C-alpha cells in the first residue's frame, strides 16, 4: 500500500474581503468561546487572525496551507498569556473552519 500526499487545498480568489474577514472573525471567536470559556481576549485573537488571513488573501495567497503558516508566523508576536490558546491552535482552528465551510472532510481531505 502506497500513501498518497494530501493535495493542496486552493481557495477561490477573494471576492468580498470585508465579508470574508467578518465571517472568519465571527466563526473563530465563536469557536474560541466554545472550546474553553468565553474570554474578552478571544475577540482580539479572532480579529487579528482574520486580519492576517484577509491581508494574505488580498496579496494573492489562496493556498490554505500557506495561509495557516502565515497565521502561525504572524500570531507568534501576539501575547497569549491571557488565553488558553496559542498561535498553532488559532491557525488550526482557522483551517478547520475554512474546510468546514467548503464541505471538505478534515480527516482525509475529501469532499
PDB file of N, CA and C in Angstrom:
ATOM      1  N   UNK A   1       0.844  -1.179   0.000  1.00  0.00           N
ATOM      2  CA  UNK A   1       0.000   0.000   0.000  1.00  0.00           C
ATOM      3  C   UNK A   1       0.889   1.243   0.000  1.00  0.00           C
ATOM      4  N   UNK A   2       0.663   2.102  -0.962  1.00  0.00           N
ATOM      5  CA  UNK A   2       1.422   3.346  -1.009  1.00  0.00           C
ATOM      6  C   UNK A   2       0.559   4.475  -0.475  1.00  0.00           C
ATOM      7  N   UNK A   3       1.202   5.364   0.207  1.00  0.00           N
ATOM      8  CA  UNK A   3       0.464   6.509   0.719  1.00  0.00           C
ATOM      9  C   UNK A   3       0.555   7.650  -0.270  1.00  0.00           C
ATOM     10  N   UNK A   4      -0.532   8.353  -0.400  1.00  0.00           N
ATOM     11  CA  UNK A   4      -0.580   9.488  -1.308  1.00  0.00           C
ATOM     12  C   UNK A   4      -0.578  10.773  -0.484  1.00  0.00           C
ATOM     13  N   UNK A   5       0.195  11.754  -0.892  1.00  0.00           N
ATOM     14  CA  UNK A   5       0.157  13.020  -0.171  1.00  0.00           C
ATOM     15  C   UNK A   5      -1.213  13.674  -0.339  1.00  0.00           C
ATOM     16  N   UNK A   6      -1.616  14.396   0.674  1.00  0.00           N
ATOM     17  CA  UNK A   6      -2.878  15.119   0.576  1.00  0.00           C
ATOM     18  C   UNK A   6      -2.648  16.299  -0.362  1.00  0.00           C
ATOM     19  N   UNK A   7      -3.482  16.422  -1.379  1.00  0.00           N
ATOM     20  CA  UNK A   7      -3.279  17.526  -2.326  1.00  0.00           C
ATOM     21  C   UNK A   7      -3.524  18.871  -1.637  1.00  0.00           C
ATOM     22  N   UNK A   8      -2.850  19.915  -2.105  1.00  0.00           N
ATOM     23  CA  UNK A   8      -3.066  21.224  -1.508  1.00  0.00           C
ATOM     24  C   UNK A   8      -4.516  21.674  -1.718  1.00  0.00           C
ATOM     25  N   UNK A   9      -4.995  22.464  -0.798  1.00  0.00           N
ATOM     26  CA  UNK A   9      -6.346  22.989  -0.918  1.00  0.00           C
ATOM     27  C   UNK A   9      -6.219  24.455  -1.308  1.00  0.00           C
ATOM     28  N   UNK A  10      -6.723  24.764  -2.497  1.00  0.00           N
ATOM     29  CA  UNK A  10      -6.646  26.115  -3.026  1.00  0.00           C
ATOM     30  C   UNK A  10      -8.023  26.762  -2.942  1.00  0.00           C
ATOM     31  N   UNK A  11      -8.086  27.895  -2.278  1.00  0.00           N
ATOM     32  CA  UNK A  11      -9.339  28.624  -2.147  1.00  0.00           C
ATOM     33  C   UNK A  11      -9.592  29.438  -3.406  1.00  0.00           C
ATOM     34  N   UNK A  12     -10.855  29.682  -3.729  1.00  0.00           N
ATOM     35  CA  UNK A  12     -11.134  30.568  -4.859  1.00  0.00           C
ATOM     36  C   UNK A  12     -10.633  31.975  -4.527  1.00  0.00           C
ATOM     37  N   UNK A  13     -10.320  32.778  -5.523  1.00  0.00           N
ATOM     38  CA  UNK A  13      -9.858  34.147  -5.243  1.00  0.00           C
ATOM     39  C   UNK A  13     -10.874  34.895  -4.376  1.00  0.00           C
ATOM     40  N   UNK A  14     -10.368  35.793  -3.569  1.00  0.00           N
ATOM     41  CA  UNK A  14     -11.227  36.549  -2.657  1.00  0.00           C
ATOM     42  C   UNK A  14     -12.118  37.502  -3.466  1.00  0.00           C
ATOM     43  N   UNK A  15     -13.402  37.527  -3.129  1.00  0.00           N
ATOM     44  CA  UNK A  15     -14.355  38.396  -3.836  1.00  0.00           C
ATOM     45  C   UNK A  15     -14.782  39.575  -2.968  1.00  0.00           C
ATOM     46  N   UNK A  16     -15.068  39.304  -1.709  1.00  0.00           N
ATOM     47  CA  UNK A  16     -15.546  40.339  -0.802  1.00  0.00           C
ATOM     48  C   UNK A  16     -14.725  40.267   0.484  1.00  0.00           C
ATOM     49  N   UNK A  17     -13.572  40.965   0.506  1.00  0.00           N
ATOM     50  CA  UNK A  17     -12.674  40.867   1.653  1.00  0.00           C
ATOM     51  C   UNK A  17     -13.342  41.225   2.983  1.00  0.00           C
ATOM     52  N   UNK A  18     -14.165  42.250   2.982  1.00  0.00           N
ATOM     53  CA  UNK A  18     -14.813  42.677   4.224  1.00  0.00           C
ATOM     54  C   UNK A  18     -15.731  41.575   4.753  1.00  0.00           C
ATOM     55  N   UNK A  19     -16.512  40.975   3.861  1.00  0.00           N
ATOM     56  CA  UNK A  19     -17.441  39.925   4.268  1.00  0.00           C
ATOM     57  C   UNK A  19     -16.677  38.686   4.721  1.00  0.00           C
ATOM     58  N   UNK A  20     -15.621  38.324   4.005  1.00  0.00           N
ATOM     59  CA  UNK A  20     -14.834  37.140   4.356  1.00  0.00           C
ATOM     60  C   UNK A  20     -14.169  37.330   5.720  1.00  0.00           C
ATOM     61  N   UNK A  21     -13.620  38.519   5.961  1.00  0.00           N
ATOM     62  CA  UNK A  21     -12.990  38.805   7.242  1.00  0.00           C
ATOM     63  C   UNK A  21     -13.989  38.790   8.385  1.00  0.00           C
ATOM     64  N   UNK A  22     -15.172  39.359   8.140  1.00  0.00           N
ATOM     65  CA  UNK A  22     -16.210  39.390   9.180  1.00  0.00           C
ATOM     66  C   UNK A  22     -16.673  37.972   9.508  1.00  0.00           C
ATOM     67  N   UNK A  23     -16.869  37.151   8.463  1.00  0.00           N
ATOM     68  CA  UNK A  23     -17.288  35.764   8.690  1.00  0.00           C
ATOM     69  C   UNK A  23     -16.247  35.022   9.525  1.00  0.00           C
ATOM     70  N   UNK A  24     -14.969  35.144   9.122  1.00  0.00           N
ATOM     71  CA  UNK A  24     -13.923  34.410   9.824  1.00  0.00           C
ATOM     72  C   UNK A  24     -13.792  34.887  11.266  1.00  0.00           C
ATOM     73  N   UNK A  25     -13.835  36.177  11.500  1.00  0.00           N
ATOM     74  CA  UNK A  25     -13.733  36.707  12.858  1.00  0.00           C
ATOM     75  C   UNK A  25     -14.850  36.143  13.731  1.00  0.00           C
ATOM     76  N   UNK A  26     -16.084  36.180  13.221  1.00  0.00           N
ATOM     77  CA  UNK A  26     -17.228  35.692  13.988  1.00  0.00           C
ATOM     78  C   UNK A  26     -17.126  34.190  14.242  1.00  0.00           C
ATOM     79  N   UNK A  27     -16.799  33.436  13.198  1.00  0.00           N
ATOM     80  CA  UNK A  27     -16.708  31.977  13.328  1.00  0.00           C
ATOM     81  C   UNK A  27     -15.589  31.586  14.292  1.00  0.00           C
ATOM     82  N   UNK A  28     -14.443  32.250  14.181  1.00  0.00           N
ATOM     83  CA  UNK A  28     -13.305  31.920  15.042  1.00  0.00           C
ATOM     84  C   UNK A  28     -13.588  32.314  16.494  1.00  0.00           C
ATOM     85  N   UNK A  29     -14.165  33.483  16.693  1.00  0.00           N
ATOM     86  CA  UNK A  29     -14.485  33.898  18.064  1.00  0.00           C
ATOM     87  C   UNK A  29     -15.486  32.936  18.697  1.00  0.00           C
ATOM     88  N   UNK A  30     -16.474  32.499  17.937  1.00  0.00           N
ATOM     89  CA  UNK A  30     -17.447  31.525  18.438  1.00  0.00           C
ATOM     90  C   UNK A  30     -16.735  30.236  18.827  1.00  0.00           C
ATOM     91  N   UNK A  31     -15.843  29.769  17.966  1.00  0.00           N
ATOM     92  CA  UNK A  31     -15.099  28.536  18.254  1.00  0.00           C
ATOM     93  C   UNK A  31     -14.252  28.701  19.519  1.00  0.00           C
ATOM     94  N   UNK A  32     -13.522  29.808  19.614  1.00  0.00           N
ATOM     95  CA  UNK A  32     -12.678  30.052  20.785  1.00  0.00           C
ATOM     96  C   UNK A  32     -13.515  30.069  22.067  1.00  0.00           C
ATOM     97  N   UNK A  33     -14.669  30.740  22.009  1.00  0.00           N
ATOM     98  CA  UNK A  33     -15.535  30.843  23.189  1.00  0.00           C
ATOM     99  C   UNK A  33     -16.127  29.496  23.588  1.00  0.00           C
ATOM    100  N   UNK A  34     -16.381  28.637  22.613  1.00  0.00           N
ATOM    101  CA  UNK A  34     -16.977  27.335  22.912  1.00  0.00           C
ATOM    102  C   UNK A  34     -15.937  26.301  23.333  1.00  0.00           C
ATOM    103  N   UNK A  35     -14.713  26.470  22.895  1.00  0.00           N
ATOM    104  CA  UNK A  35     -13.672  25.482  23.173  1.00  0.00           C
ATOM    105  C   UNK A  35     -13.323  25.432  24.659  1.00  0.00           C
ATOM    106  N   UNK A  36     -13.208  26.569  25.308  1.00  0.00           N
ATOM    107  CA  UNK A  36     -12.959  26.621  26.755  1.00  0.00           C
ATOM    108  C   UNK A  36     -14.047  27.469  27.396  1.00  0.00           C
ATOM    109  N   UNK A  37     -13.721  28.717  27.693  1.00  0.00           N
ATOM    110  CA  UNK A  37     -14.724  29.629  28.242  1.00  0.00           C
ATOM    111  C   UNK A  37     -14.627  30.947  27.476  1.00  0.00           C
ATOM    112  N   UNK A  38     -15.743  31.652  27.358  1.00  0.00           N
ATOM    113  CA  UNK A  38     -15.678  32.957  26.683  1.00  0.00           C
ATOM    114  C   UNK A  38     -14.763  33.915  27.459  1.00  0.00           C
ATOM    115  N   UNK A  39     -13.838  34.521  26.738  1.00  0.00           N
ATOM    116  CA  UNK A  39     -12.921  35.492  27.329  1.00  0.00           C
ATOM    117  C   UNK A  39     -12.849  36.708  26.412  1.00  0.00           C
ATOM    118  N   UNK A  40     -12.617  37.877  26.991  1.00  0.00           N
ATOM    119  CA  UNK A  40     -12.511  39.091  26.185  1.00  0.00           C
ATOM    120  C   UNK A  40     -11.391  38.997  25.154  1.00  0.00           C
ATOM    121  N   UNK A  41     -10.293  38.346  25.521  1.00  0.00           N
ATOM    122  CA  UNK A  41      -9.142  38.248  24.625  1.00  0.00           C
ATOM    123  C   UNK A  41      -9.490  37.464  23.349  1.00  0.00           C
ATOM    124  N   UNK A  42     -10.518  36.609  23.400  1.00  0.00           N
ATOM    125  CA  UNK A  42     -10.887  35.830  22.217  1.00  0.00           C
ATOM    126  C   UNK A  42     -11.291  36.730  21.051  1.00  0.00           C
ATOM    127  N   UNK A  43     -11.958  37.842  21.349  1.00  0.00           N
ATOM    128  CA  UNK A  43     -12.340  38.767  20.281  1.00  0.00           C
ATOM    129  C   UNK A  43     -11.100  39.373  19.627  1.00  0.00           C
ATOM    130  N   UNK A  44     -10.119  39.730  20.430  1.00  0.00           N
ATOM    131  CA  UNK A  44      -8.875  40.297  19.906  1.00  0.00           C
ATOM    132  C   UNK A  44      -8.127  39.268  19.059  1.00  0.00           C
ATOM    133  N   UNK A  45      -8.070  38.039  19.543  1.00  0.00           N
ATOM    134  CA  UNK A  45      -7.409  36.964  18.788  1.00  0.00           C
ATOM    135  C   UNK A  45      -8.110  36.751  17.451  1.00  0.00           C
ATOM    136  N   UNK A  46      -9.428  36.653  17.472  1.00  0.00           N
ATOM    137  CA  UNK A  46     -10.195  36.423  16.241  1.00  0.00           C
ATOM    138  C   UNK A  46     -10.022  37.581  15.266  1.00  0.00           C
ATOM    139  N   UNK A  47     -10.017  38.799  15.777  1.00  0.00           N
ATOM    140  CA  UNK A  47      -9.832  39.981  14.922  1.00  0.00           C
ATOM    141  C   UNK A  47      -8.463  39.947  14.265  1.00  0.00           C
ATOM    142  N   UNK A  48      -7.437  39.660  15.039  1.00  0.00           N
ATOM    143  CA  UNK A  48      -6.062  39.645  14.500  1.00  0.00           C
ATOM    144  C   UNK A  48      -5.888  38.528  13.471  1.00  0.00           C
ATOM    145  N   UNK A  49      -6.373  37.341  13.776  1.00  0.00           N
ATOM    146  CA  UNK A  49      -6.238  36.223  12.830  1.00  0.00           C
ATOM    147  C   UNK A  49      -6.991  36.512  11.536  1.00  0.00           C
ATOM    148  N   UNK A  50      -8.176  37.098  11.632  1.00  0.00           N
ATOM    149  CA  UNK A  50      -8.942  37.387  10.411  1.00  0.00           C
ATOM    150  C   UNK A  50      -8.254  38.483   9.595  1.00  0.00           C
ATOM    151  N   UNK A  51      -7.624  39.462  10.258  1.00  0.00           N
ATOM    152  CA  UNK A  51      -6.881  40.499   9.531  1.00  0.00           C
ATOM    153  C   UNK A  51      -5.714  39.888   8.756  1.00  0.00           C
ATOM    154  N   UNK A  52      -4.977  38.992   9.394  1.00  0.00           N
ATOM    155  CA  UNK A  52      -3.851  38.325   8.732  1.00  0.00           C
ATOM    156  C   UNK A  52      -4.358  37.536   7.533  1.00  0.00           C
ATOM    157  N   UNK A  53      -5.413  36.763   7.748  1.00  0.00           N
ATOM    158  CA  UNK A  53      -5.979  35.925   6.690  1.00  0.00           C
ATOM    159  C   UNK A  53      -6.402  36.768   5.488  1.00  0.00           C
ATOM    160  N   UNK A  54      -7.163  37.825   5.743  1.00  0.00           N
ATOM    161  CA  UNK A  54      -7.672  38.657   4.642  1.00  0.00           C
ATOM    162  C   UNK A  54      -6.522  39.371   3.932  1.00  0.00           C
ATOM    163  N   UNK A  55      -5.558  39.878   4.687  1.00  0.00           N
ATOM    164  CA  UNK A  55      -4.428  40.548   4.043  1.00  0.00           C
ATOM    165  C   UNK A  55      -3.667  39.582   3.134  1.00  0.00           C
ATOM    166  N   UNK A  56      -3.432  38.378   3.611  1.00  0.00           N
ATOM    167  CA  UNK A  56      -2.750  37.367   2.796  1.00  0.00           C
ATOM    168  C   UNK A  56      -3.553  37.058   1.530  1.00  0.00           C
ATOM    169  N   UNK A  57      -4.867  36.946   1.694  1.00  0.00           N
ATOM    170  CA  UNK A  57      -5.742  36.666   0.542  1.00  0.00           C
ATOM    171  C   UNK A  57      -5.690  37.821  -0.461  1.00  0.00           C
ATOM    172  N   UNK A  58      -5.691  39.056   0.035  1.00  0.00           N
ATOM    173  CA  UNK A  58      -5.630  40.225  -0.853  1.00  0.00           C
ATOM    174  C   UNK A  58      -4.295  40.291  -1.591  1.00  0.00           C
ATOM    175  N   UNK A  59      -3.259  39.721  -0.967  1.00  0.00           N
ATOM    176  CA  UNK A  59      -1.945  39.673  -1.611  1.00  0.00           C
ATOM    177  C   UNK A  59      -1.850  38.519  -2.604  1.00  0.00           C
ATOM    178  N   UNK A  60      -2.945  37.763  -2.757  1.00  0.00           N
ATOM    179  CA  UNK A  60      -2.990  36.714  -3.768  1.00  0.00           C
ATOM    180  C   UNK A  60      -2.739  35.309  -3.259  1.00  0.00           C
ATOM    181  N   UNK A  61      -2.601  35.135  -1.943  1.00  0.00           N
ATOM    182  CA  UNK A  61      -2.363  33.794  -1.401  1.00  0.00           C
ATOM    183  C   UNK A  61      -3.691  33.055  -1.260  1.00  0.00           C
ATOM    184  N   UNK A  62      -3.825  31.941  -1.963  1.00  0.00           N
ATOM    185  CA  UNK A  62      -5.057  31.151  -1.924  1.00  0.00           C
ATOM    186  C   UNK A  62      -4.831  29.720  -1.450  1.00  0.00           C
ATOM    187  N   UNK A  63      -3.576  29.354  -1.180  1.00  0.00           N
ATOM    188  CA  UNK A  63      -3.264  28.014  -0.691  1.00  0.00           C
ATOM    189  C   UNK A  63      -3.527  27.974   0.811  1.00  0.00           C
ATOM    190  N   UNK A  64      -4.424  27.091   1.247  1.00  0.00           N
ATOM    191  CA  UNK A  64      -4.812  27.048   2.656  1.00  0.00           C
ATOM    192  C   UNK A  64      -3.622  26.747   3.560  1.00  0.00           C
ATOM    193  N   UNK A  65      -2.746  25.856   3.151  1.00  0.00           N
ATOM    194  CA  UNK A  65      -1.565  25.546   3.956  1.00  0.00           C
ATOM    195  C   UNK A  65      -0.683  26.768   4.172  1.00  0.00           C
ATOM    196  N   UNK A  66      -0.479  27.536   3.130  1.00  0.00           N
ATOM    197  CA  UNK A  66       0.332  28.762   3.244  1.00  0.00           C
ATOM    198  C   UNK A  66      -0.353  29.794   4.124  1.00  0.00           C
ATOM    199  N   UNK A  67      -1.674  29.869   4.030  1.00  0.00           N
ATOM    200  CA  UNK A  67      -2.424  30.802   4.869  1.00  0.00           C
ATOM    201  C   UNK A  67      -2.301  30.424   6.344  1.00  0.00           C
ATOM    202  N   UNK A  68      -2.357  29.140   6.633  1.00  0.00           N
ATOM    203  CA  UNK A  68      -2.210  28.663   8.012  1.00  0.00           C
ATOM    204  C   UNK A  68      -0.813  28.995   8.538  1.00  0.00           C
ATOM    205  N   UNK A  69       0.205  28.771   7.730  1.00  0.00           N
ATOM    206  CA  UNK A  69       1.582  29.085   8.139  1.00  0.00           C
ATOM    207  C   UNK A  69       1.733  30.589   8.393  1.00  0.00           C
ATOM    208  N   UNK A  70       1.111  31.409   7.557  1.00  0.00           N
ATOM    209  CA  UNK A  70       1.181  32.864   7.753  1.00  0.00           C
ATOM    210  C   UNK A  70       0.537  33.260   9.080  1.00  0.00           C
ATOM    211  N   UNK A  71      -0.579  32.630   9.418  1.00  0.00           N
ATOM    212  CA  UNK A  71      -1.244  32.944  10.690  1.00  0.00           C
ATOM    213  C   UNK A  71      -0.362  32.521  11.860  1.00  0.00           C
ATOM    214  N   UNK A  72       0.206  31.327  11.804  1.00  0.00           N
ATOM    215  CA  UNK A  72       1.108  30.873  12.870  1.00  0.00           C
ATOM    216  C   UNK A  72       2.268  31.854  13.019  1.00  0.00           C
ATOM    217  N   UNK A  73       2.885  32.198  11.918  1.00  0.00           N
ATOM    218  CA  UNK A  73       4.065  33.066  11.943  1.00  0.00           C
ATOM    219  C   UNK A  73       3.735  34.437  12.511  1.00  0.00           C
ATOM    220  N   UNK A  74       2.678  35.056  12.016  1.00  0.00           N
ATOM    221  CA  UNK A  74       2.355  36.413  12.458  1.00  0.00           C
ATOM    222  C   UNK A  74       1.737  36.451  13.852  1.00  0.00           C
ATOM    223  N   UNK A  75       1.043  35.392  14.249  1.00  0.00           N
ATOM    224  CA  UNK A  75       0.440  35.365  15.586  1.00  0.00           C
ATOM    225  C   UNK A  75       1.483  35.078  16.670  1.00  0.00           C
ATOM    226  N   UNK A  76       2.709  34.700  16.285  1.00  0.00           N
ATOM    227  CA  UNK A  76       3.760  34.488  17.282  1.00  0.00           C
ATOM    228  C   UNK A  76       4.060  35.783  18.032  1.00  0.00           C
ATOM    229  N   UNK A  77       3.787  36.925  17.429  1.00  0.00           N
ATOM    230  CA  UNK A  77       4.025  38.214  18.080  1.00  0.00           C
ATOM    231  C   UNK A  77       2.899  38.572  19.056  1.00  0.00           C
ATOM    232  N   UNK A  78       1.794  37.810  19.024  1.00  0.00           N
ATOM    233  CA  UNK A  78       0.658  38.093  19.899  1.00  0.00           C
ATOM    234  C   UNK A  78       0.932  37.548  21.300  1.00  0.00           C
ATOM    235  N   UNK A  79       0.513  38.286  22.317  1.00  0.00           N
ATOM    236  CA  UNK A  79       0.706  37.862  23.702  1.00  0.00           C
ATOM    237  C   UNK A  79      -0.459  36.960  24.121  1.00  0.00           C
ATOM    238  N   UNK A  80      -0.221  35.680  24.184  1.00  0.00           N
ATOM    239  CA  UNK A  80      -1.261  34.701  24.521  1.00  0.00           C
ATOM    240  C   UNK A  80      -1.345  34.408  26.020  1.00  0.00           C
ATOM    241  N   UNK A  81      -0.671  35.184  26.861  1.00  0.00           N
ATOM    242  CA  UNK A  81      -0.658  34.889  28.298  1.00  0.00           C
ATOM    243  C   UNK A  81      -2.053  34.935  28.931  1.00  0.00           C
ATOM    244  N   UNK A  82      -2.962  35.727  28.370  1.00  0.00           N
ATOM    245  CA  UNK A  82      -4.310  35.830  28.929  1.00  0.00           C
ATOM    246  C   UNK A  82      -5.277  34.844  28.279  1.00  0.00           C
ATOM    247  N   UNK A  83      -4.746  33.901  27.536  1.00  0.00           N
ATOM    248  CA  UNK A  83      -5.581  32.996  26.753  1.00  0.00           C
ATOM    249  C   UNK A  83      -5.209  31.543  27.020  1.00  0.00           C
ATOM    250  N   UNK A  84      -6.162  30.658  26.730  1.00  0.00           N
ATOM    251  CA  UNK A  84      -5.902  29.220  26.774  1.00  0.00           C
ATOM    252  C   UNK A  84      -5.258  28.735  25.475  1.00  0.00           C
ATOM    253  N   UNK A  85      -5.196  29.593  24.479  1.00  0.00           N
ATOM    254  CA  UNK A  85      -4.800  29.198  23.132  1.00  0.00           C
ATOM    255  C   UNK A  85      -3.373  29.618  22.795  1.00  0.00           C
ATOM    256  N   UNK A  86      -2.901  29.139  21.644  1.00  0.00           N
ATOM    257  CA  UNK A  86      -1.598  29.516  21.098  1.00  0.00           C
ATOM    258  C   UNK A  86      -1.798  29.828  19.621  1.00  0.00           C
ATOM    259  N   UNK A  87      -0.741  30.318  18.988  1.00  0.00           N
ATOM    260  CA  UNK A  87      -0.829  30.609  17.558  1.00  0.00           C
ATOM    261  C   UNK A  87      -1.146  29.351  16.751  1.00  0.00           C
ATOM    262  N   UNK A  88      -0.686  28.200  17.222  1.00  0.00           N
ATOM    263  CA  UNK A  88      -0.950  26.949  16.500  1.00  0.00           C
ATOM    264  C   UNK A  88      -2.414  26.552  16.596  1.00  0.00           C
ATOM    265  N   UNK A  89      -2.986  26.667  17.789  1.00  0.00           N
ATOM    266  CA  UNK A  89      -4.405  26.339  17.968  1.00  0.00           C
ATOM    267  C   UNK A  89      -5.275  27.256  17.131  1.00  0.00           C
ATOM    268  N   UNK A  90      -4.927  28.535  17.086  1.00  0.00           N
ATOM    269  CA  UNK A  90      -5.713  29.502  16.311  1.00  0.00           C
ATOM    270  C   UNK A  90      -5.625  29.188  14.820  1.00  0.00           C
ATOM    271  N   UNK A  91      -4.419  28.956  14.323  1.00  0.00           N
ATOM    272  CA  UNK A  91      -4.249  28.661  12.894  1.00  0.00           C
ATOM    273  C   UNK A  91      -4.953  27.365  12.509  1.00  0.00           C
ATOM    274  N   UNK A  92      -4.856  26.350  13.362  1.00  0.00           N
ATOM    275  CA  UNK A  92      -5.554  25.093  13.078  1.00  0.00           C
ATOM    276  C   UNK A  92      -7.069  25.285  13.090  1.00  0.00           C
ATOM    277  N   UNK A  93      -7.560  26.103  14.008  1.00  0.00           N
ATOM    278  CA  UNK A  93      -8.998  26.376  14.052  1.00  0.00           C
ATOM    279  C   UNK A  93      -9.450  27.091  12.781  1.00  0.00           C
ATOM    280  N   UNK A  94      -8.657  28.048  12.312  1.00  0.00           N
ATOM    281  CA  UNK A  94      -8.988  28.752  11.066  1.00  0.00           C
ATOM    282  C   UNK A  94      -9.066  27.743   9.923  1.00  0.00           C
ATOM    283  N   UNK A  95      -8.088  26.857   9.847  1.00  0.00           N
ATOM    284  CA  UNK A  95      -8.075  25.838   8.800  1.00  0.00           C
ATOM    285  C   UNK A  95      -9.333  24.972   8.870  1.00  0.00           C
ATOM    286  N   UNK A  96      -9.671  24.513  10.075  1.00  0.00           N
ATOM    287  CA  UNK A  96     -10.862  23.673  10.243  1.00  0.00           C
ATOM    288  C   UNK A  96     -12.132  24.415   9.841  1.00  0.00           C
ATOM    289  N   UNK A  97     -12.246  25.671  10.232  1.00  0.00           N
ATOM    290  CA  UNK A  97     -13.436  26.465   9.890  1.00  0.00           C
ATOM    291  C   UNK A  97     -13.560  26.649   8.375  1.00  0.00           C
ATOM    292  N   UNK A  98     -12.433  26.898   7.717  1.00  0.00           N
ATOM    293  CA  UNK A  98     -12.443  27.065   6.256  1.00  0.00           C
ATOM    294  C   UNK A  98     -12.825  25.743   5.585  1.00  0.00           C
ATOM    295  N   UNK A  99     -12.214  24.642   6.023  1.00  0.00           N
ATOM    296  CA  UNK A  99     -12.538  23.334   5.443  1.00  0.00           C
ATOM    297  C   UNK A  99     -14.013  23.003   5.639  1.00  0.00           C
ATOM    298  N   UNK A 100     -14.532  23.262   6.845  1.00  0.00           N
ATOM    299  CA  UNK A 100     -15.957  23.017   7.102  1.00  0.00           C
ATOM    300  C   UNK A 100     -16.827  23.848   6.170  1.00  0.00           C
ATOM    301  N   UNK A 101     -16.451  25.107   5.962  1.00  0.00           N
ATOM    302  CA  UNK A 101     -17.260  25.986   5.115  1.00  0.00           C
ATOM    303  C   UNK A 101     -17.254  25.525   3.658  1.00  0.00           C
ATOM    304  N   UNK A 102     -16.179  24.826   3.275  1.00  0.00           N
ATOM    305  CA  UNK A 102     -16.077  24.314   1.905  1.00  0.00           C
ATOM    306  C   UNK A 102     -16.641  22.906   1.766  1.00  0.00           C
ATOM    307  N   UNK A 103     -17.061  22.312   2.884  1.00  0.00           N
ATOM    308  CA  UNK A 103     -17.594  20.960   2.851  1.00  0.00           C
ATOM    309  C   UNK A 103     -16.534  19.896   2.661  1.00  0.00           C
ATOM    310  N   UNK A 104     -15.304  20.182   3.092  1.00  0.00           N
ATOM    311  CA  UNK A 104     -14.201  19.238   2.956  1.00  0.00           C
ATOM    312  C   UNK A 104     -13.993  18.526   4.282  1.00  0.00           C
ATOM    313  N   UNK A 105     -13.929  17.207   4.239  1.00  0.00           N
ATOM    314  CA  UNK A 105     -13.713  16.388   5.436  1.00  0.00           C
ATOM    315  C   UNK A 105     -12.310  16.674   5.972  1.00  0.00           C
ATOM    316  N   UNK A 106     -12.233  17.122   7.207  1.00  0.00           N
ATOM    317  CA  UNK A 106     -10.938  17.471   7.797  1.00  0.00           C
ATOM    318  C   UNK A 106     -10.052  16.262   8.010  1.00  0.00           C
ATOM    319  N   UNK A 107     -10.633  15.108   8.172  1.00  0.00           N
ATOM    320  CA  UNK A 107      -9.867  13.897   8.432  1.00  0.00           C
ATOM    321  C   UNK A 107      -9.009  13.508   7.246  1.00  0.00           C
ATOM    322  N   UNK A 108      -9.598  13.471   6.101  1.00  0.00           N
ATOM    323  CA  UNK A 108      -8.895  12.876   4.969  1.00  0.00           C
ATOM    324  C   UNK A 108      -8.776  13.806   3.763  1.00  0.00           C
ATOM    325  N   UNK A 109      -9.234  15.034   3.876  1.00  0.00           N
ATOM    326  CA  UNK A 109      -9.102  15.980   2.787  1.00  0.00           C
ATOM    327  C   UNK A 109     -10.026  15.707   1.606  1.00  0.00           C
ATOM    328  N   UNK A 110     -11.086  14.980   1.840  1.00  0.00           N
ATOM    329  CA  UNK A 110     -12.012  14.652   0.749  1.00  0.00           C
ATOM    330  C   UNK A 110     -13.333  15.375   0.951  1.00  0.00           C
ATOM    331  N   UNK A 111     -13.968  15.731  -0.151  1.00  0.00           N
ATOM    332  CA  UNK A 111     -15.291  16.386  -0.034  1.00  0.00           C
ATOM    333  C   UNK A 111     -16.386  15.364  -0.106  1.00  0.00           C
TER     334      UNK A 111
END
